[in-house]
Amino acid sequence: MKSKPTHEQISRRAQQLWENGGRPSDRDEEIWLEAERQLATGEETSAAFIARIRAETASESAVEYLISPPISQEEAVKKAVQMPGGTAAKAKR
């Protein structure tokens, strides 16, 4: 039977999960409980947990900070040229 993980062990594992998960804010308790669960069950793999945390954090950030989805460099250049005062407008002067 596995012994109960110590506070220090949980803390180290939670730190790893937090860092691997992109250092999300406001997820402390969830990450701590996941670290405790992994140590208690002997499960060391956390890929699914990390992927979920990263995806949720990214979507929360996109909503919270009104972040647009990424666009290609080519598309960004086209949009910049089409903007009033952009390169195309300056060339017409």
PDB file of N, CA and C in Angstrom:
ATOM      1  N   MET A   1       0.837  -1.183   0.000  1.00  0.00           N
ATOM      2  CA  MET A   1       0.000   0.000   0.000  1.00  0.00           C
ATOM      3  C   MET A   1       0.889   1.256   0.000  1.00  0.00           C
ATOM      4  N   LYS A   2       0.530   2.184  -0.802  1.00  0.00           N
ATOM      5  CA  LYS A   2       1.293   3.425  -0.938  1.00  0.00           C
ATOM      6  C   LYS A   2       1.020   4.333   0.254  1.00  0.00           C
ATOM      7  N   SER A   3       2.079   4.976   0.753  1.00  0.00           N
ATOM      8  CA  SER A   3       1.889   5.891   1.874  1.00  0.00           C
ATOM      9  C   SER A   3       1.345   7.221   1.352  1.00  0.00           C
ATOM     10  N   LYS A   4       0.715   7.959   2.249  1.00  0.00           N
ATOM     11  CA  LYS A   4       0.151   9.250   1.882  1.00  0.00           C
ATOM     12  C   LYS A   4       1.286  10.214   1.530  1.00  0.00           C
ATOM     13  N   PRO A   5       1.159  10.945   0.399  1.00  0.00           N
ATOM     14  CA  PRO A   5       2.224  11.867   0.021  1.00  0.00           C
ATOM     15  C   PRO A   5       2.364  13.010   1.029  1.00  0.00           C
ATOM     16  N   THR A   6       3.594  13.456   1.215  1.00  0.00           N
ATOM     17  CA  THR A   6       3.845  14.560   2.145  1.00  0.00           C
ATOM     18  C   THR A   6       3.488  15.893   1.477  1.00  0.00           C
ATOM     19  N   HIS A   7       3.375  16.919   2.291  1.00  0.00           N
ATOM     20  CA  HIS A   7       3.093  18.265   1.800  1.00  0.00           C
ATOM     21  C   HIS A   7       4.173  18.693   0.808  1.00  0.00           C
ATOM     22  N   GLU A   8       5.426  18.387   1.119  1.00  0.00           N
ATOM     23  CA  GLU A   8       6.547  18.752   0.251  1.00  0.00           C
ATOM     24  C   GLU A   8       6.455  18.042  -1.097  1.00  0.00           C
ATOM     25  N   GLN A   9       6.112  16.761  -1.092  1.00  0.00           N
ATOM     26  CA  GLN A   9       5.977  16.014  -2.346  1.00  0.00           C
ATOM     27  C   GLN A   9       4.852  16.597  -3.206  1.00  0.00           C
ATOM     28  N   ILE A  10       3.737  16.890  -2.581  1.00  0.00           N
ATOM     29  CA  ILE A  10       2.603  17.468  -3.306  1.00  0.00           C
ATOM     30  C   ILE A  10       2.994  18.838  -3.858  1.00  0.00           C
ATOM     31  N   SER A  11       3.681  19.609  -3.055  1.00  0.00           N
ATOM     32  CA  SER A  11       4.105  20.938  -3.475  1.00  0.00           C
ATOM     33  C   SER A  11       5.011  20.877  -4.700  1.00  0.00           C
ATOM     34  N   ARG A  12       5.976  19.959  -4.687  1.00  0.00           N
ATOM     35  CA  ARG A  12       6.881  19.816  -5.831  1.00  0.00           C
ATOM     36  C   ARG A  12       6.121  19.380  -7.083  1.00  0.00           C
ATOM     37  N   ARG A  13       5.219  18.419  -6.923  1.00  0.00           N
ATOM     38  CA  ARG A  13       4.452  17.924  -8.077  1.00  0.00           C
ATOM     39  C   ARG A  13       3.513  19.019  -8.600  1.00  0.00           C
ATOM     40  N   ALA A  14       2.882  19.754  -7.712  1.00  0.00           N
ATOM     41  CA  ALA A  14       1.997  20.843  -8.122  1.00  0.00           C
ATOM     42  C   ALA A  14       2.777  21.911  -8.882  1.00  0.00           C
ATOM     43  N   GLN A  15       3.985  22.195  -8.425  1.00  0.00           N
ATOM     44  CA  GLN A  15       4.849  23.163  -9.110  1.00  0.00           C
ATOM     45  C   GLN A  15       5.139  22.701 -10.537  1.00  0.00           C
ATOM     46  N   GLN A  16       5.444  21.413 -10.698  1.00  0.00           N
ATOM     47  CA  GLN A  16       5.707  20.855 -12.027  1.00  0.00           C
ATOM     48  C   GLN A  16       4.478  20.984 -12.925  1.00  0.00           C
ATOM     49  N   LEU A  17       3.321  20.619 -12.379  1.00  0.00           N
ATOM     50  CA  LEU A  17       2.086  20.695 -13.155  1.00  0.00           C
ATOM     51  C   LEU A  17       1.777  22.135 -13.551  1.00  0.00           C
ATOM     52  N   TRP A  18       1.968  23.045 -12.616  1.00  0.00           N
ATOM     53  CA  TRP A  18       1.702  24.463 -12.865  1.00  0.00           C
ATOM     54  C   TRP A  18       2.608  24.997 -13.976  1.00  0.00           C
ATOM     55  N   GLU A  19       3.900  24.673 -13.895  1.00  0.00           N
ATOM     56  CA  GLU A  19       4.847  25.129 -14.911  1.00  0.00           C
ATOM     57  C   GLU A  19       4.558  24.486 -16.265  1.00  0.00           C
ATOM     58  N   ASN A  20       4.323  23.172 -16.275  1.00  0.00           N
ATOM     59  CA  ASN A  20       4.032  22.469 -17.522  1.00  0.00           C
ATOM     60  C   ASN A  20       2.705  22.914 -18.128  1.00  0.00           C
ATOM     61  N   GLY A  21       1.816  23.400 -17.298  1.00  0.00           N
ATOM     62  CA  GLY A  21       0.514  23.861 -17.759  1.00  0.00           C
ATOM     63  C   GLY A  21       0.515  25.306 -18.213  1.00  0.00           C
ATOM     64  N   GLY A  22       1.676  25.928 -18.285  1.00  0.00           N
ATOM     65  CA  GLY A  22       1.760  27.305 -18.745  1.00  0.00           C
ATOM     66  C   GLY A  22       1.563  28.328 -17.648  1.00  0.00           C
ATOM     67  N   ARG A  23       1.736  27.922 -16.398  1.00  0.00           N
ATOM     68  CA  ARG A  23       1.626  28.807 -15.233  1.00  0.00           C
ATOM     69  C   ARG A  23       0.293  29.562 -15.162  1.00  0.00           C
ATOM     70  N   PRO A  24      -0.811  28.822 -15.223  1.00  0.00           N
ATOM     71  CA  PRO A  24      -2.115  29.491 -15.200  1.00  0.00           C
ATOM     72  C   PRO A  24      -2.405  30.116 -13.836  1.00  0.00           C
ATOM     73  N   SER A  25      -3.134  31.197 -13.851  1.00  0.00           N
ATOM     74  CA  SER A  25      -3.535  31.827 -12.586  1.00  0.00           C
ATOM     75  C   SER A  25      -4.912  31.320 -12.192  1.00  0.00           C
ATOM     76  N   ASP A  26      -5.223  31.430 -10.952  1.00  0.00           N
ATOM     77  CA  ASP A  26      -6.535  31.041 -10.411  1.00  0.00           C
ATOM     78  C   ASP A  26      -6.849  29.552 -10.582  1.00  0.00           C
ATOM     79  N   ARG A  27      -5.838  28.693 -10.650  1.00  0.00           N
ATOM     80  CA  ARG A  27      -6.062  27.252 -10.776  1.00  0.00           C
ATOM     81  C   ARG A  27      -5.333  26.506  -9.661  1.00  0.00           C
ATOM     82  N   ASP A  28      -4.910  27.235  -8.631  1.00  0.00           N
ATOM     83  CA  ASP A  28      -4.065  26.650  -7.586  1.00  0.00           C
ATOM     84  C   ASP A  28      -4.673  25.409  -6.950  1.00  0.00           C
ATOM     85  N   GLU A  29      -5.908  25.526  -6.533  1.00  0.00           N
ATOM     86  CA  GLU A  29      -6.537  24.403  -5.829  1.00  0.00           C
ATOM     87  C   GLU A  29      -6.683  23.195  -6.749  1.00  0.00           C
ATOM     88  N   GLU A  30      -7.107  23.418  -7.971  1.00  0.00           N
ATOM     89  CA  GLU A  30      -7.267  22.322  -8.935  1.00  0.00           C
ATOM     90  C   GLU A  30      -5.934  21.621  -9.193  1.00  0.00           C
ATOM     91  N   ILE A  31      -4.878  22.399  -9.363  1.00  0.00           N
ATOM     92  CA  ILE A  31      -3.556  21.826  -9.617  1.00  0.00           C
ATOM     93  C   ILE A  31      -3.044  21.083  -8.390  1.00  0.00           C
ATOM     94  N   TRP A  32      -3.264  21.645  -7.213  1.00  0.00           N
ATOM     95  CA  TRP A  32      -2.837  20.986  -5.976  1.00  0.00           C
ATOM     96  C   TRP A  32      -3.538  19.629  -5.821  1.00  0.00           C
ATOM     97  N   LEU A  33      -4.842  19.622  -6.046  1.00  0.00           N
ATOM     98  CA  LEU A  33      -5.600  18.374  -5.905  1.00  0.00           C
ATOM     99  C   LEU A  33      -5.169  17.341  -6.943  1.00  0.00           C
ATOM    100  N   GLU A  34      -4.864  17.801  -8.151  1.00  0.00           N
ATOM    101  CA  GLU A  34      -4.383  16.875  -9.191  1.00  0.00           C
ATOM    102  C   GLU A  34      -3.029  16.302  -8.803  1.00  0.00           C
ATOM    103  N   ALA A  35      -2.150  17.113  -8.275  1.00  0.00           N
ATOM    104  CA  ALA A  35      -0.837  16.634  -7.826  1.00  0.00           C
ATOM    105  C   ALA A  35      -1.011  15.603  -6.707  1.00  0.00           C
ATOM    106  N   GLU A  36      -1.874  15.910  -5.769  1.00  0.00           N
ATOM    107  CA  GLU A  36      -2.140  14.992  -4.658  1.00  0.00           C
ATOM    108  C   GLU A  36      -2.709  13.670  -5.178  1.00  0.00           C
ATOM    109  N   ARG A  37      -3.636  13.747  -6.126  1.00  0.00           N
ATOM    110  CA  ARG A  37      -4.247  12.537  -6.691  1.00  0.00           C
ATOM    111  C   ARG A  37      -3.204  11.700  -7.416  1.00  0.00           C
ATOM    112  N   GLN A  38      -2.357  12.356  -8.230  1.00  0.00           N
ATOM    113  CA  GLN A  38      -1.344  11.619  -8.970  1.00  0.00           C
ATOM    114  C   GLN A  38      -0.375  10.902  -8.036  1.00  0.00           C
ATOM    115  N   LEU A  39       0.040  11.579  -6.992  1.00  0.00           N
ATOM    116  CA  LEU A  39       0.982  10.959  -6.050  1.00  0.00           C
ATOM    117  C   LEU A  39       0.317   9.836  -5.259  1.00  0.00           C
ATOM    118  N   ALA A  40      -0.932  10.017  -4.890  1.00  0.00           N
ATOM    119  CA  ALA A  40      -1.638   9.003  -4.099  1.00  0.00           C
ATOM    120  C   ALA A  40      -1.897   7.739  -4.913  1.00  0.00           C
ATOM    121  N   THR A  41      -2.146   7.893  -6.208  1.00  0.00           N
ATOM    122  CA  THR A  41      -2.450   6.731  -7.051  1.00  0.00           C
ATOM    123  C   THR A  41      -1.215   6.168  -7.738  1.00  0.00           C
ATOM    124  N   GLY A  42      -0.103   6.899  -7.652  1.00  0.00           N
ATOM    125  CA  GLY A  42       1.116   6.453  -8.310  1.00  0.00           C
ATOM    126  C   GLY A  42       1.136   6.801  -9.785  1.00  0.00           C
ATOM    127  N   GLU A  43       0.146   7.548 -10.235  1.00  0.00           N
ATOM    128  CA  GLU A  43       0.073   7.962 -11.640  1.00  0.00           C
ATOM    129  C   GLU A  43       0.968   9.167 -11.841  1.00  0.00           C
ATOM    130  N   GLU A  44       1.950   9.018 -12.687  1.00  0.00           N
ATOM    131  CA  GLU A  44       2.891  10.110 -12.927  1.00  0.00           C
ATOM    132  C   GLU A  44       2.621  10.832 -14.237  1.00  0.00           C
ATOM    133  N   THR A  45       1.794  10.249 -15.089  1.00  0.00           N
ATOM    134  CA  THR A  45       1.518  10.900 -16.366  1.00  0.00           C
ATOM    135  C   THR A  45       0.436  11.948 -16.171  1.00  0.00           C
ATOM    136  N   SER A  46       0.646  13.083 -16.771  1.00  0.00           N
ATOM    137  CA  SER A  46      -0.315  14.173 -16.606  1.00  0.00           C
ATOM    138  C   SER A  46      -0.582  14.892 -17.921  1.00  0.00           C
ATOM    139  N   ALA A  47      -0.297  14.243 -19.034  1.00  0.00           N
ATOM    140  CA  ALA A  47      -0.446  14.894 -20.345  1.00  0.00           C
ATOM    141  C   ALA A  47      -1.871  15.383 -20.570  1.00  0.00           C
ATOM    142  N   ALA A  48      -2.848  14.577 -20.248  1.00  0.00           N
ATOM    143  CA  ALA A  48      -4.240  14.980 -20.469  1.00  0.00           C
ATOM    144  C   ALA A  48      -4.604  16.160 -19.576  1.00  0.00           C
ATOM    145  N   PHE A  49      -4.161  16.125 -18.322  1.00  0.00           N
ATOM    146  CA  PHE A  49      -4.436  17.225 -17.398  1.00  0.00           C
ATOM    147  C   PHE A  49      -3.791  18.512 -17.891  1.00  0.00           C
ATOM    148  N   ILE A  50      -2.522  18.437 -18.298  1.00  0.00           N
ATOM    149  CA  ILE A  50      -1.794  19.607 -18.784  1.00  0.00           C
ATOM    150  C   ILE A  50      -2.469  20.161 -20.035  1.00  0.00           C
ATOM    151  N   ALA A  51      -2.845  19.281 -20.952  1.00  0.00           N
ATOM    152  CA  ALA A  51      -3.506  19.732 -22.187  1.00  0.00           C
ATOM    153  C   ALA A  51      -4.818  20.448 -21.869  1.00  0.00           C
ATOM    154  N   ARG A  52      -5.575  19.911 -20.922  1.00  0.00           N
ATOM    155  CA  ARG A  52      -6.852  20.526 -20.551  1.00  0.00           C
ATOM    156  C   ARG A  52      -6.629  21.893 -19.902  1.00  0.00           C
ATOM    157  N   ILE A  53      -5.671  21.984 -18.998  1.00  0.00           N
ATOM    158  CA  ILE A  53      -5.372  23.248 -18.326  1.00  0.00           C
ATOM    159  C   ILE A  53      -4.938  24.300 -19.345  1.00  0.00           C
ATOM    160  N   ARG A  54      -4.049  23.910 -20.257  1.00  0.00           N
ATOM    161  CA  ARG A  54      -3.572  24.857 -21.271  1.00  0.00           C
ATOM    162  C   ARG A  54      -4.716  25.334 -22.161  1.00  0.00           C
ATOM    163  N   ALA A  55      -5.568  24.408 -22.587  1.00  0.00           N
ATOM    164  CA  ALA A  55      -6.680  24.780 -23.466  1.00  0.00           C
ATOM    165  C   ALA A  55      -7.660  25.699 -22.749  1.00  0.00           C
ATOM    166  N   GLU A  56      -7.982  25.375 -21.506  1.00  0.00           N
ATOM    167  CA  GLU A  56      -8.915  26.210 -20.751  1.00  0.00           C
ATOM    168  C   GLU A  56      -8.325  27.584 -20.473  1.00  0.00           C
ATOM    169  N   THR A  57      -7.047  27.621 -20.134  1.00  0.00           N
ATOM    170  CA  THR A  57      -6.391  28.900 -19.860  1.00  0.00           C
ATOM    171  C   THR A  57      -6.342  29.760 -21.121  1.00  0.00           C
ATOM    172  N   ALA A  58      -6.044  29.132 -22.256  1.00  0.00           N
ATOM    173  CA  ALA A  58      -5.989  29.881 -23.524  1.00  0.00           C
ATOM    174  C   ALA A  58      -7.347  30.456 -23.868  1.00  0.00           C
ATOM    175  N   SER A  59      -8.412  29.666 -23.707  1.00  0.00           N
ATOM    176  CA  SER A  59      -9.727  30.201 -24.048  1.00  0.00           C
ATOM    177  C   SER A  59     -10.177  31.248 -23.047  1.00  0.00           C
ATOM    178  N   GLU A  60      -9.827  31.096 -21.790  1.00  0.00           N
ATOM    179  CA  GLU A  60     -10.163  32.122 -20.802  1.00  0.00           C
ATOM    180  C   GLU A  60      -9.430  33.421 -21.120  1.00  0.00           C
ATOM    181  N   SER A  61      -8.159  33.323 -21.494  1.00  0.00           N
ATOM    182  CA  SER A  61      -7.382  34.513 -21.829  1.00  0.00           C
ATOM    183  C   SER A  61      -7.942  35.202 -23.062  1.00  0.00           C
ATOM    184  N   ALA A  62      -8.333  34.412 -24.046  1.00  0.00           N
ATOM    185  CA  ALA A  62      -8.865  34.988 -25.280  1.00  0.00           C
ATOM    186  C   ALA A  62     -10.119  35.798 -24.988  1.00  0.00           C
ATOM    187  N   VAL A  63     -10.960  35.294 -24.107  1.00  0.00           N
ATOM    188  CA  VAL A  63     -12.188  36.006 -23.759  1.00  0.00           C
ATOM    189  C   VAL A  63     -11.872  37.197 -22.865  1.00  0.00           C
ATOM    190  N   GLU A  64     -11.061  36.976 -21.847  1.00  0.00           N
ATOM    191  CA  GLU A  64     -10.761  38.019 -20.870  1.00  0.00           C
ATOM    192  C   GLU A  64     -10.008  39.196 -21.484  1.00  0.00           C
ATOM    193  N   TYR A  65      -9.074  38.911 -22.347  1.00  0.00           N
ATOM    194  CA  TYR A  65      -8.237  39.967 -22.906  1.00  0.00           C
ATOM    195  C   TYR A  65      -8.576  40.308 -24.357  1.00  0.00           C
ATOM    196  N   LEU A  66      -9.688  39.765 -24.852  1.00  0.00           N
ATOM    197  CA  LEU A  66     -10.145  40.019 -26.220  1.00  0.00           C
ATOM    198  C   LEU A  66      -9.036  39.754 -27.244  1.00  0.00           C
ATOM    199  N   ILE A  67      -8.389  38.617 -27.078  1.00  0.00           N
ATOM    200  CA  ILE A  67      -7.300  38.238 -27.964  1.00  0.00           C
ATOM    201  C   ILE A  67      -7.887  37.616 -29.222  1.00  0.00           C
ATOM    202  N   SER A  68      -7.494  38.141 -30.373  1.00  0.00           N
ATOM    203  CA  SER A  68      -7.942  37.589 -31.651  1.00  0.00           C
ATOM    204  C   SER A  68      -7.165  36.311 -31.941  1.00  0.00           C
ATOM    205  N   PRO A  69      -7.767  35.415 -32.701  1.00  0.00           N
ATOM    206  CA  PRO A  69      -7.013  34.215 -33.080  1.00  0.00           C
ATOM    207  C   PRO A  69      -5.817  34.614 -33.940  1.00  0.00           C
ATOM    208  N   PRO A  70      -4.751  33.840 -33.892  1.00  0.00           N
ATOM    209  CA  PRO A  70      -3.559  34.199 -34.666  1.00  0.00           C
ATOM    210  C   PRO A  70      -3.839  34.164 -36.163  1.00  0.00           C
ATOM    211  N   ILE A  71      -3.191  35.059 -36.899  1.00  0.00           N
ATOM    212  CA  ILE A  71      -3.296  35.065 -38.347  1.00  0.00           C
ATOM    213  C   ILE A  71      -1.895  34.937 -38.923  1.00  0.00           C
ATOM    214  N   SER A  72      -1.829  34.521 -40.174  1.00  0.00           N
ATOM    215  CA  SER A  72      -0.518  34.336 -40.800  1.00  0.00           C
ATOM    216  C   SER A  72       0.144  35.691 -41.041  1.00  0.00           C
ATOM    217  N   GLN A  73       1.436  35.667 -41.212  1.00  0.00           N
ATOM    218  CA  GLN A  73       2.172  36.904 -41.470  1.00  0.00           C
ATOM    219  C   GLN A  73       1.704  37.521 -42.784  1.00  0.00           C
ATOM    220  N   GLU A  74       1.454  36.693 -43.773  1.00  0.00           N
ATOM    221  CA  GLU A  74       0.991  37.178 -45.070  1.00  0.00           C
ATOM    222  C   GLU A  74      -0.347  37.907 -44.938  1.00  0.00           C
ATOM    223  N   GLU A  75      -1.270  37.327 -44.185  1.00  0.00           N
ATOM    224  CA  GLU A  75      -2.579  37.953 -43.972  1.00  0.00           C
ATOM    225  C   GLU A  75      -2.429  39.270 -43.208  1.00  0.00           C
ATOM    226  N   ALA A  76      -1.532  39.307 -42.235  1.00  0.00           N
ATOM    227  CA  ALA A  76      -1.300  40.529 -41.458  1.00  0.00           C
ATOM    228  C   ALA A  76      -0.768  41.646 -42.351  1.00  0.00           C
ATOM    229  N   VAL A  77       0.145  41.305 -43.264  1.00  0.00           N
ATOM    230  CA  VAL A  77       0.696  42.307 -44.175  1.00  0.00           C
ATOM    231  C   VAL A  77      -0.401  42.834 -45.094  1.00  0.00           C
ATOM    232  N   LYS A  78      -1.242  41.951 -45.632  1.00  0.00           N
ATOM    233  CA  LYS A  78      -2.345  42.375 -46.499  1.00  0.00           C
ATOM    234  C   LYS A  78      -3.278  43.342 -45.778  1.00  0.00           C
ATOM    235  N   LYS A  79      -3.611  43.013 -44.530  1.00  0.00           N
ATOM    236  CA  LYS A  79      -4.500  43.885 -43.762  1.00  0.00           C
ATOM    237  C   LYS A  79      -3.848  45.228 -43.475  1.00  0.00           C
ATOM    238  N   ALA A  80      -2.561  45.227 -43.188  1.00  0.00           N
ATOM    239  CA  ALA A  80      -1.854  46.475 -42.903  1.00  0.00           C
ATOM    240  C   ALA A  80      -1.811  47.366 -44.138  1.00  0.00           C
ATOM    241  N   VAL A  81      -1.636  46.767 -45.291  1.00  0.00           N
ATOM    242  CA  VAL A  81      -1.574  47.528 -46.541  1.00  0.00           C
ATOM    243  C   VAL A  81      -2.941  48.125 -46.869  1.00  0.00           C
ATOM    244  N   GLN A  82      -4.007  47.417 -46.519  1.00  0.00           N
ATOM    245  CA  GLN A  82      -5.366  47.867 -46.819  1.00  0.00           C
ATOM    246  C   GLN A  82      -5.871  48.930 -45.851  1.00  0.00           C
ATOM    247  N   MET A  83      -5.224  49.109 -44.718  1.00  0.00           N
ATOM    248  CA  MET A  83      -5.673  50.073 -43.703  1.00  0.00           C
ATOM    249  C   MET A  83      -5.473  51.501 -44.200  1.00  0.00           C
ATOM    250  N   PRO A  84      -6.370  52.420 -43.795  1.00  0.00           N
ATOM    251  CA  PRO A  84      -6.158  53.824 -44.134  1.00  0.00           C
ATOM    252  C   PRO A  84      -4.811  54.269 -43.555  1.00  0.00           C
ATOM    253  N   GLY A  85      -4.008  54.911 -44.384  1.00  0.00           N
ATOM    254  CA  GLY A  85      -2.685  55.322 -43.928  1.00  0.00           C
ATOM    255  C   GLY A  85      -1.651  54.234 -44.076  1.00  0.00           C
ATOM    256  N   GLY A  86      -2.075  53.050 -44.600  1.00  0.00           N
ATOM    257  CA  GLY A  86      -1.137  51.950 -44.810  1.00  0.00           C
ATOM    258  C   GLY A  86      -0.259  52.212 -46.012  1.00  0.00           C
ATOM    259  N   THR A  87       0.554  51.255 -46.363  1.00  0.00           N
ATOM    260  CA  THR A  87       1.517  51.414 -47.461  1.00  0.00           C
ATOM    261  C   THR A  87       0.828  51.754 -48.778  1.00  0.00           C
ATOM    262  N   ALA A  88      -0.294  51.105 -49.089  1.00  0.00           N
ATOM    263  CA  ALA A  88      -0.990  51.350 -50.351  1.00  0.00           C
ATOM    264  C   ALA A  88      -1.503  52.790 -50.409  1.00  0.00           C
ATOM    265  N   ALA A  89      -2.022  53.278 -49.286  1.00  0.00           N
ATOM    266  CA  ALA A  89      -2.535  54.660 -49.254  1.00  0.00           C
ATOM    267  C   ALA A  89      -1.400  55.651 -49.430  1.00  0.00           C
ATOM    268  N   LYS A  90      -0.252  55.378 -48.844  1.00  0.00           N
ATOM    269  CA  LYS A  90       0.895  56.285 -48.958  1.00  0.00           C
ATOM    270  C   LYS A  90       1.449  56.301 -50.374  1.00  0.00           C
ATOM    271  N   ALA A  91       1.389  55.169 -51.077  1.00  0.00           N
ATOM    272  CA  ALA A  91       1.918  55.071 -52.432  1.00  0.00           C
ATOM    273  C   ALA A  91       1.075  55.899 -53.414  1.00  0.00           C
ATOM    274  N   LYS A  92      -0.213  56.077 -53.126  1.00  0.00           N
ATOM    275  CA  LYS A  92      -1.114  56.833 -53.999  1.00  0.00           C
ATOM    276  C   LYS A  92      -0.910  58.335 -53.895  1.00  0.00           C
ATOM    277  N   ARG A  93      -0.268  58.774 -52.845  1.00  0.00           N
ATOM    278  CA  ARG A  93      -0.074  60.225 -52.620  1.00  0.00           C
ATOM    279  C   ARG A  93       0.906  60.820 -53.554  1.00  0.00           C
TER     280      ARG A  93
END
